[in-house]
Amino acid sequence: MLARPVLRSEVPGLRGLLRAFRIGDANSAYDIFSGEGSRVYPGRWNKKGQAMIYTSERYSTAMLEKLVRLGEMPPNQRYVEIEIPAGTR
């Protein structure tokens, strides 16, 4: 028997908005909200052909992901803070 999914609004500390950060190149061929780059170049959590937007819970971990993957921070990087309302599926 499968358990029902736990809603974010049911988890203490996750009520209200969930904030996520994403860092991307302002001059990229792909928009910062597009999953097209990961569709073409898959990452850890998606297969080729699956579009996905990688985000982090904190700005610092978004920065760390860039540094670990690329070794340095490329020029023209911008960040967005994304707010996801509680209960969004």
PDB file of N, CA and C in Angstrom:
ATOM      1  N   MET A   1       0.836  -1.168   0.000  1.00  0.00           N
ATOM      2  CA  MET A   1       0.000   0.000   0.000  1.00  0.00           C
ATOM      3  C   MET A   1       0.888   1.241   0.000  1.00  0.00           C
ATOM      4  N   LEU A   2       0.629   2.155  -0.905  1.00  0.00           N
ATOM      5  CA  LEU A   2       1.401   3.381  -0.989  1.00  0.00           C
ATOM      6  C   LEU A   2       0.858   4.426  -0.032  1.00  0.00           C
ATOM      7  N   ALA A   3       1.776   5.128   0.623  1.00  0.00           N
ATOM      8  CA  ALA A   3       1.369   6.226   1.498  1.00  0.00           C
ATOM      9  C   ALA A   3       1.053   7.450   0.656  1.00  0.00           C
ATOM     10  N   ARG A   4       0.165   8.280   1.122  1.00  0.00           N
ATOM     11  CA  ARG A   4      -0.145   9.511   0.394  1.00  0.00           C
ATOM     12  C   ARG A   4       1.026  10.475   0.543  1.00  0.00           C
ATOM     13  N   PRO A   5       1.267  11.322  -0.453  1.00  0.00           N
ATOM     14  CA  PRO A   5       2.353  12.288  -0.353  1.00  0.00           C
ATOM     15  C   PRO A   5       2.094  13.282   0.772  1.00  0.00           C
ATOM     16  N   VAL A   6       3.152  13.713   1.421  1.00  0.00           N
ATOM     17  CA  VAL A   6       3.052  14.722   2.470  1.00  0.00           C
ATOM     18  C   VAL A   6       3.107  16.087   1.799  1.00  0.00           C
ATOM     19  N   LEU A   7       2.149  16.931   2.101  1.00  0.00           N
ATOM     20  CA  LEU A   7       2.121  18.272   1.547  1.00  0.00           C
ATOM     21  C   LEU A   7       3.080  19.171   2.308  1.00  0.00           C
ATOM     22  N   ARG A   8       3.669  20.104   1.596  1.00  0.00           N
ATOM     23  CA  ARG A   8       4.598  21.048   2.203  1.00  0.00           C
ATOM     24  C   ARG A   8       3.925  21.806   3.350  1.00  0.00           C
ATOM     25  N   SER A   9       2.649  22.107   3.201  1.00  0.00           N
ATOM     26  CA  SER A   9       1.917  22.853   4.232  1.00  0.00           C
ATOM     27  C   SER A   9       1.742  22.036   5.512  1.00  0.00           C
ATOM     28  N   GLU A  10       1.942  20.717   5.433  1.00  0.00           N
ATOM     29  CA  GLU A  10       1.803  19.845   6.599  1.00  0.00           C
ATOM     30  C   GLU A  10       3.110  19.680   7.368  1.00  0.00           C
ATOM     31  N   VAL A  11       4.198  20.163   6.809  1.00  0.00           N
ATOM     32  CA  VAL A  11       5.513  19.998   7.440  1.00  0.00           C
ATOM     33  C   VAL A  11       5.849  21.261   8.222  1.00  0.00           C
ATOM     34  N   PRO A  12       6.096  21.130   9.530  1.00  0.00           N
ATOM     35  CA  PRO A  12       6.444  22.315  10.309  1.00  0.00           C
ATOM     36  C   PRO A  12       7.656  23.025   9.698  1.00  0.00           C
ATOM     37  N   GLY A  13       7.599  24.333   9.624  1.00  0.00           N
ATOM     38  CA  GLY A  13       8.698  25.107   9.066  1.00  0.00           C
ATOM     39  C   GLY A  13       8.589  25.328   7.569  1.00  0.00           C
ATOM     40  N   LEU A  14       7.695  24.619   6.904  1.00  0.00           N
ATOM     41  CA  LEU A  14       7.550  24.780   5.460  1.00  0.00           C
ATOM     42  C   LEU A  14       6.199  25.378   5.091  1.00  0.00           C
ATOM     43  N   ARG A  15       5.543  25.983   6.037  1.00  0.00           N
ATOM     44  CA  ARG A  15       4.269  26.645   5.730  1.00  0.00           C
ATOM     45  C   ARG A  15       4.575  27.970   5.049  1.00  0.00           C
ATOM     46  N   GLY A  16       3.659  28.440   4.260  1.00  0.00           N
ATOM     47  CA  GLY A  16       3.860  29.705   3.563  1.00  0.00           C
ATOM     48  C   GLY A  16       4.631  29.481   2.278  1.00  0.00           C
ATOM     49  N   LEU A  17       5.549  30.372   1.989  1.00  0.00           N
ATOM     50  CA  LEU A  17       6.305  30.303   0.742  1.00  0.00           C
ATOM     51  C   LEU A  17       7.550  29.441   0.875  1.00  0.00           C
ATOM     52  N   LEU A  18       7.854  28.716  -0.170  1.00  0.00           N
ATOM     53  CA  LEU A  18       9.124  28.030  -0.301  1.00  0.00           C
ATOM     54  C   LEU A  18       9.961  28.881  -1.243  1.00  0.00           C
ATOM     55  N   ARG A  19      11.145  29.242  -0.829  1.00  0.00           N
ATOM     56  CA  ARG A  19      12.024  30.067  -1.661  1.00  0.00           C
ATOM     57  C   ARG A  19      13.103  29.189  -2.272  1.00  0.00           C
ATOM     58  N   ALA A  20      13.386  29.439  -3.531  1.00  0.00           N
ATOM     59  CA  ALA A  20      14.437  28.712  -4.244  1.00  0.00           C
ATOM     60  C   ALA A  20      15.259  29.723  -5.038  1.00  0.00           C
ATOM     61  N   PHE A  21      16.527  29.415  -5.237  1.00  0.00           N
ATOM     62  CA  PHE A  21      17.426  30.303  -5.967  1.00  0.00           C
ATOM     63  C   PHE A  21      18.004  29.569  -7.164  1.00  0.00           C
ATOM     64  N   ARG A  22      18.220  30.335  -8.214  1.00  0.00           N
ATOM     65  CA  ARG A  22      18.814  29.800  -9.441  1.00  0.00           C
ATOM     66  C   ARG A  22      19.783  30.835  -9.983  1.00  0.00           C
ATOM     67  N   ILE A  23      20.958  30.382 -10.390  1.00  0.00           N
ATOM     68  CA  ILE A  23      21.969  31.254 -10.969  1.00  0.00           C
ATOM     69  C   ILE A  23      22.170  30.834 -12.412  1.00  0.00           C
ATOM     70  N   GLY A  24      22.203  31.800 -13.314  1.00  0.00           N
ATOM     71  CA  GLY A  24      22.382  31.490 -14.729  1.00  0.00           C
ATOM     72  C   GLY A  24      23.040  32.636 -15.474  1.00  0.00           C
ATOM     73  N   ASP A  25      23.473  32.346 -16.662  1.00  0.00           N
ATOM     74  CA  ASP A  25      24.138  33.313 -17.526  1.00  0.00           C
ATOM     75  C   ASP A  25      23.089  34.199 -18.193  1.00  0.00           C
ATOM     76  N   ALA A  26      23.249  35.504 -18.036  1.00  0.00           N
ATOM     77  CA  ALA A  26      22.297  36.452 -18.630  1.00  0.00           C
ATOM     78  C   ALA A  26      22.300  36.386 -20.152  1.00  0.00           C
ATOM     79  N   ASN A  27      23.410  35.926 -20.746  1.00  0.00           N
ATOM     80  CA  ASN A  27      23.525  35.872 -22.206  1.00  0.00           C
ATOM     81  C   ASN A  27      23.400  34.450 -22.749  1.00  0.00           C
ATOM     82  N   SER A  28      22.866  33.555 -21.954  1.00  0.00           N
ATOM     83  CA  SER A  28      22.738  32.153 -22.351  1.00  0.00           C
ATOM     84  C   SER A  28      21.745  31.985 -23.497  1.00  0.00           C
ATOM     85  N   ALA A  29      21.912  30.907 -24.218  1.00  0.00           N
ATOM     86  CA  ALA A  29      20.957  30.570 -25.277  1.00  0.00           C
ATOM     87  C   ALA A  29      19.607  30.181 -24.678  1.00  0.00           C
ATOM     88  N   TYR A  30      19.603  29.814 -23.380  1.00  0.00           N
ATOM     89  CA  TYR A  30      18.381  29.375 -22.713  1.00  0.00           C
ATOM     90  C   TYR A  30      17.995  30.366 -21.619  1.00  0.00           C
ATOM     91  N   ASP A  31      16.715  30.698 -21.527  1.00  0.00           N
ATOM     92  CA  ASP A  31      16.194  31.571 -20.485  1.00  0.00           C
ATOM     93  C   ASP A  31      16.431  30.940 -19.118  1.00  0.00           C
ATOM     94  N   ILE A  32      16.620  31.765 -18.092  1.00  0.00           N
ATOM     95  CA  ILE A  32      16.911  31.254 -16.745  1.00  0.00           C
ATOM     96  C   ILE A  32      15.777  30.385 -16.194  1.00  0.00           C
ATOM     97  N   PHE A  33      14.556  30.589 -16.680  1.00  0.00           N
ATOM     98  CA  PHE A  33      13.420  29.765 -16.245  1.00  0.00           C
ATOM     99  C   PHE A  33      13.151  28.597 -17.190  1.00  0.00           C
ATOM    100  N   SER A  34      13.993  28.395 -18.174  1.00  0.00           N
ATOM    101  CA  SER A  34      13.806  27.316 -19.130  1.00  0.00           C
ATOM    102  C   SER A  34      14.522  26.047 -18.657  1.00  0.00           C
ATOM    103  N   GLY A  35      13.917  24.921 -18.864  1.00  0.00           N
ATOM    104  CA  GLY A  35      14.548  23.645 -18.568  1.00  0.00           C
ATOM    105  C   GLY A  35      15.222  23.044 -19.787  1.00  0.00           C
ATOM    106  N   GLU A  36      15.315  23.821 -20.866  1.00  0.00           N
ATOM    107  CA  GLU A  36      15.847  23.316 -22.133  1.00  0.00           C
ATOM    108  C   GLU A  36      17.308  22.886 -22.021  1.00  0.00           C
ATOM    109  N   GLY A  37      18.116  23.638 -21.284  1.00  0.00           N
ATOM    110  CA  GLY A  37      19.532  23.267 -21.140  1.00  0.00           C
ATOM    111  C   GLY A  37      19.699  21.893 -20.515  1.00  0.00           C
ATOM    112  N   SER A  38      18.932  21.599 -19.479  1.00  0.00           N
ATOM    113  CA  SER A  38      19.028  20.279 -18.840  1.00  0.00           C
ATOM    114  C   SER A  38      18.402  19.189 -19.709  1.00  0.00           C
ATOM    115  N   ARG A  39      17.459  19.563 -20.562  1.00  0.00           N
ATOM    116  CA  ARG A  39      16.886  18.569 -21.476  1.00  0.00           C
ATOM    117  C   ARG A  39      17.944  18.088 -22.461  1.00  0.00           C
ATOM    118  N   VAL A  40      18.765  19.026 -22.939  1.00  0.00           N
ATOM    119  CA  VAL A  40      19.804  18.711 -23.918  1.00  0.00           C
ATOM    120  C   VAL A  40      21.052  18.132 -23.225  1.00  0.00           C
ATOM    121  N   TYR A  41      21.394  18.692 -22.074  1.00  0.00           N
ATOM    122  CA  TYR A  41      22.574  18.263 -21.308  1.00  0.00           C
ATOM    123  C   TYR A  41      22.116  17.814 -19.927  1.00  0.00           C
ATOM    124  N   PRO A  42      21.732  16.550 -19.775  1.00  0.00           N
ATOM    125  CA  PRO A  42      21.155  16.083 -18.512  1.00  0.00           C
ATOM    126  C   PRO A  42      22.134  16.203 -17.346  1.00  0.00           C
ATOM    127  N   GLY A  43      21.560  16.281 -16.151  1.00  0.00           N
ATOM    128  CA  GLY A  43      22.352  16.388 -14.924  1.00  0.00           C
ATOM    129  C   GLY A  43      22.136  15.183 -14.032  1.00  0.00           C
ATOM    130  N   ARG A  44      22.329  15.393 -12.730  1.00  0.00           N
ATOM    131  CA  ARG A  44      22.195  14.294 -11.774  1.00  0.00           C
ATOM    132  C   ARG A  44      20.775  13.775 -11.662  1.00  0.00           C
ATOM    133  N   TRP A  45      19.787  14.641 -11.800  1.00  0.00           N
ATOM    134  CA  TRP A  45      18.422  14.274 -11.464  1.00  0.00           C
ATOM    135  C   TRP A  45      17.492  14.116 -12.672  1.00  0.00           C
ATOM    136  N   ASN A  46      18.015  14.231 -13.864  1.00  0.00           N
ATOM    137  CA  ASN A  46      17.146  14.037 -15.031  1.00  0.00           C
ATOM    138  C   ASN A  46      17.893  13.299 -16.139  1.00  0.00           C
ATOM    139  N   LYS A  47      17.106  12.652 -16.970  1.00  0.00           N
ATOM    140  CA  LYS A  47      17.653  11.934 -18.123  1.00  0.00           C
ATOM    141  C   LYS A  47      17.600  12.834 -19.350  1.00  0.00           C
ATOM    142  N   LYS A  48      18.370  12.486 -20.367  1.00  0.00           N
ATOM    143  CA  LYS A  48      18.330  13.243 -21.612  1.00  0.00           C
ATOM    144  C   LYS A  48      16.894  13.250 -22.143  1.00  0.00           C
ATOM    145  N   GLY A  49      16.448  14.426 -22.550  1.00  0.00           N
ATOM    146  CA  GLY A  49      15.092  14.574 -23.058  1.00  0.00           C
ATOM    147  C   GLY A  49      14.102  15.077 -22.018  1.00  0.00           C
ATOM    148  N   GLN A  50      14.483  15.056 -20.728  1.00  0.00           N
ATOM    149  CA  GLN A  50      13.620  15.562 -19.664  1.00  0.00           C
ATOM    150  C   GLN A  50      14.068  16.969 -19.283  1.00  0.00           C
ATOM    151  N   ALA A  51      13.189  17.927 -19.425  1.00  0.00           N
ATOM    152  CA  ALA A  51      13.506  19.303 -19.030  1.00  0.00           C
ATOM    153  C   ALA A  51      13.364  19.446 -17.525  1.00  0.00           C
ATOM    154  N   MET A  52      14.314  20.131 -16.899  1.00  0.00           N
ATOM    155  CA  MET A  52      14.293  20.339 -15.456  1.00  0.00           C
ATOM    156  C   MET A  52      15.005  21.642 -15.134  1.00  0.00           C
ATOM    157  N   ILE A  53      14.506  22.343 -14.151  1.00  0.00           N
ATOM    158  CA  ILE A  53      15.171  23.548 -13.668  1.00  0.00           C
ATOM    159  C   ILE A  53      15.807  23.203 -12.330  1.00  0.00           C
ATOM    160  N   TYR A  54      17.121  23.323 -12.243  1.00  0.00           N
ATOM    161  CA  TYR A  54      17.835  23.060 -11.005  1.00  0.00           C
ATOM    162  C   TYR A  54      17.857  24.320 -10.153  1.00  0.00           C
ATOM    163  N   THR A  55      17.440  24.203  -8.904  1.00  0.00           N
ATOM    164  CA  THR A  55      17.440  25.323  -7.973  1.00  0.00           C
ATOM    165  C   THR A  55      18.044  24.873  -6.658  1.00  0.00           C
ATOM    166  N   SER A  56      18.273  25.833  -5.772  1.00  0.00           N
ATOM    167  CA  SER A  56      18.778  25.550  -4.434  1.00  0.00           C
ATOM    168  C   SER A  56      17.927  26.277  -3.418  1.00  0.00           C
ATOM    169  N   GLU A  57      17.908  25.744  -2.209  1.00  0.00           N
ATOM    170  CA  GLU A  57      17.126  26.356  -1.141  1.00  0.00           C
ATOM    171  C   GLU A  57      17.731  27.690  -0.697  1.00  0.00           C
ATOM    172  N   ARG A  58      19.046  27.821  -0.859  1.00  0.00           N
ATOM    173  CA  ARG A  58      19.737  29.043  -0.456  1.00  0.00           C
ATOM    174  C   ARG A  58      20.614  29.553  -1.597  1.00  0.00           C
ATOM    175  N   TYR A  59      20.833  30.868  -1.592  1.00  0.00           N
ATOM    176  CA  TYR A  59      21.708  31.473  -2.598  1.00  0.00           C
ATOM    177  C   TYR A  59      23.113  30.861  -2.512  1.00  0.00           C
ATOM    178  N   SER A  60      23.596  30.639  -1.291  1.00  0.00           N
ATOM    179  CA  SER A  60      24.958  30.117  -1.104  1.00  0.00           C
ATOM    180  C   SER A  60      25.121  28.727  -1.712  1.00  0.00           C
ATOM    181  N   THR A  61      24.114  27.885  -1.621  1.00  0.00           N
ATOM    182  CA  THR A  61      24.242  26.550  -2.212  1.00  0.00           C
ATOM    183  C   THR A  61      24.094  26.592  -3.731  1.00  0.00           C
ATOM    184  N   ALA A  62      23.334  27.556  -4.242  1.00  0.00           N
ATOM    185  CA  ALA A  62      23.266  27.738  -5.701  1.00  0.00           C
ATOM    186  C   ALA A  62      24.650  28.144  -6.217  1.00  0.00           C
ATOM    187  N   MET A  63      25.322  29.046  -5.489  1.00  0.00           N
ATOM    188  CA  MET A  63      26.667  29.478  -5.846  1.00  0.00           C
ATOM    189  C   MET A  63      27.649  28.303  -5.755  1.00  0.00           C
ATOM    190  N   LEU A  64      27.543  27.527  -4.693  1.00  0.00           N
ATOM    191  CA  LEU A  64      28.432  26.377  -4.517  1.00  0.00           C
ATOM    192  C   LEU A  64      28.269  25.367  -5.649  1.00  0.00           C
ATOM    193  N   GLU A  65      27.036  25.112  -6.067  1.00  0.00           N
ATOM    194  CA  GLU A  65      26.795  24.190  -7.185  1.00  0.00           C
ATOM    195  C   GLU A  65      27.514  24.662  -8.453  1.00  0.00           C
ATOM    196  N   LYS A  66      27.439  25.954  -8.731  1.00  0.00           N
ATOM    197  CA  LYS A  66      28.132  26.512  -9.906  1.00  0.00           C
ATOM    198  C   LYS A  66      29.637  26.305  -9.788  1.00  0.00           C
ATOM    199  N   LEU A  67      30.189  26.639  -8.613  1.00  0.00           N
ATOM    200  CA  LEU A  67      31.632  26.549  -8.407  1.00  0.00           C
ATOM    201  C   LEU A  67      32.128  25.103  -8.485  1.00  0.00           C
ATOM    202  N   VAL A  68      31.384  24.184  -7.901  1.00  0.00           N
ATOM    203  CA  VAL A  68      31.792  22.772  -7.932  1.00  0.00           C
ATOM    204  C   VAL A  68      31.742  22.236  -9.354  1.00  0.00           C
ATOM    205  N   ARG A  69      30.702  22.602 -10.081  1.00  0.00           N
ATOM    206  CA  ARG A  69      30.530  22.080 -11.448  1.00  0.00           C
ATOM    207  C   ARG A  69      31.502  22.704 -12.435  1.00  0.00           C
ATOM    208  N   LEU A  70      31.753  24.023 -12.297  1.00  0.00           N
ATOM    209  CA  LEU A  70      32.551  24.732 -13.299  1.00  0.00           C
ATOM    210  C   LEU A  70      33.963  25.095 -12.836  1.00  0.00           C
ATOM    211  N   GLY A  71      34.211  25.057 -11.531  1.00  0.00           N
ATOM    212  CA  GLY A  71      35.541  25.383 -11.024  1.00  0.00           C
ATOM    213  C   GLY A  71      35.759  26.864 -10.764  1.00  0.00           C
ATOM    214  N   GLU A  72      34.945  27.708 -11.348  1.00  0.00           N
ATOM    215  CA  GLU A  72      35.007  29.156 -11.131  1.00  0.00           C
ATOM    216  C   GLU A  72      33.667  29.752 -11.532  1.00  0.00           C
ATOM    217  N   MET A  73      33.438  30.974 -11.097  1.00  0.00           N
ATOM    218  CA  MET A  73      32.175  31.628 -11.453  1.00  0.00           C
ATOM    219  C   MET A  73      32.350  32.323 -12.799  1.00  0.00           C
ATOM    220  N   PRO A  74      31.606  31.882 -13.812  1.00  0.00           N
ATOM    221  CA  PRO A  74      31.698  32.502 -15.130  1.00  0.00           C
ATOM    222  C   PRO A  74      31.178  33.942 -15.103  1.00  0.00           C
ATOM    223  N   PRO A  75      31.534  34.745 -16.096  1.00  0.00           N
ATOM    224  CA  PRO A  75      31.011  36.114 -16.164  1.00  0.00           C
ATOM    225  C   PRO A  75      29.523  36.120 -16.533  1.00  0.00           C
ATOM    226  N   ASN A  76      28.890  37.247 -16.336  1.00  0.00           N
ATOM    227  CA  ASN A  76      27.486  37.477 -16.719  1.00  0.00           C
ATOM    228  C   ASN A  76      26.482  36.633 -15.961  1.00  0.00           C
ATOM    229  N   GLN A  77      26.822  36.182 -14.772  1.00  0.00           N
ATOM    230  CA  GLN A  77      25.876  35.373 -13.998  1.00  0.00           C
ATOM    231  C   GLN A  77      24.880  36.271 -13.279  1.00  0.00           C
ATOM    232  N   ARG A  78      23.633  35.853 -13.282  1.00  0.00           N
ATOM    233  CA  ARG A  78      22.558  36.542 -12.585  1.00  0.00           C
ATOM    234  C   ARG A  78      21.809  35.504 -11.763  1.00  0.00           C
ATOM    235  N   TYR A  79      21.124  35.977 -10.731  1.00  0.00           N
ATOM    236  CA  TYR A  79      20.327  35.028  -9.962  1.00  0.00           C
ATOM    237  C   TYR A  79      18.882  35.480  -9.909  1.00  0.00           C
ATOM    238  N   VAL A  80      18.006  34.518  -9.691  1.00  0.00           N
ATOM    239  CA  VAL A  80      16.597  34.798  -9.454  1.00  0.00           C
ATOM    240  C   VAL A  80      16.198  34.091  -8.166  1.00  0.00           C
ATOM    241  N   GLU A  81      15.304  34.724  -7.453  1.00  0.00           N
ATOM    242  CA  GLU A  81      14.711  34.112  -6.271  1.00  0.00           C
ATOM    243  C   GLU A  81      13.290  33.734  -6.654  1.00  0.00           C
ATOM    244  N   ILE A  82      12.972  32.479  -6.514  1.00  0.00           N
ATOM    245  CA  ILE A  82      11.670  31.959  -6.935  1.00  0.00           C
ATOM    246  C   ILE A  82      10.846  31.677  -5.677  1.00  0.00           C
ATOM    247  N   GLU A  83       9.627  32.166  -5.646  1.00  0.00           N
ATOM    248  CA  GLU A  83       8.724  31.918  -4.518  1.00  0.00           C
ATOM    249  C   GLU A  83       7.635  30.949  -4.957  1.00  0.00           C
ATOM    250  N   ILE A  84       7.543  29.835  -4.230  1.00  0.00           N
ATOM    251  CA  ILE A  84       6.571  28.786  -4.556  1.00  0.00           C
ATOM    252  C   ILE A  84       5.561  28.721  -3.397  1.00  0.00           C
ATOM    253  N   PRO A  85       4.297  29.013  -3.651  1.00  0.00           N
ATOM    254  CA  PRO A  85       3.300  28.993  -2.580  1.00  0.00           C
ATOM    255  C   PRO A  85       3.120  27.593  -1.990  1.00  0.00           C
ATOM    256  N   ALA A  86       2.854  27.550  -0.696  1.00  0.00           N
ATOM    257  CA  ALA A  86       2.570  26.277  -0.018  1.00  0.00           C
ATOM    258  C   ALA A  86       1.392  25.599  -0.695  1.00  0.00           C
ATOM    259  N   GLY A  87       1.465  24.290  -0.814  1.00  0.00           N
ATOM    260  CA  GLY A  87       0.379  23.522  -1.424  1.00  0.00           C
ATOM    261  C   GLY A  87       0.524  23.338  -2.918  1.00  0.00           C
ATOM    262  N   THR A  88       1.545  23.982  -3.528  1.00  0.00           N
ATOM    263  CA  THR A  88       1.771  23.820  -4.959  1.00  0.00           C
ATOM    264  C   THR A  88       2.261  22.405  -5.223  1.00  0.00           C
ATOM    265  N   ARG A  89       1.701  21.797  -6.240  1.00  0.00           N
ATOM    266  CA  ARG A  89       2.137  20.438  -6.596  1.00  0.00           C
ATOM    267  C   ARG A  89       2.788  20.442  -7.932  1.00  0.00           C
TER     268      ARG A  89
END
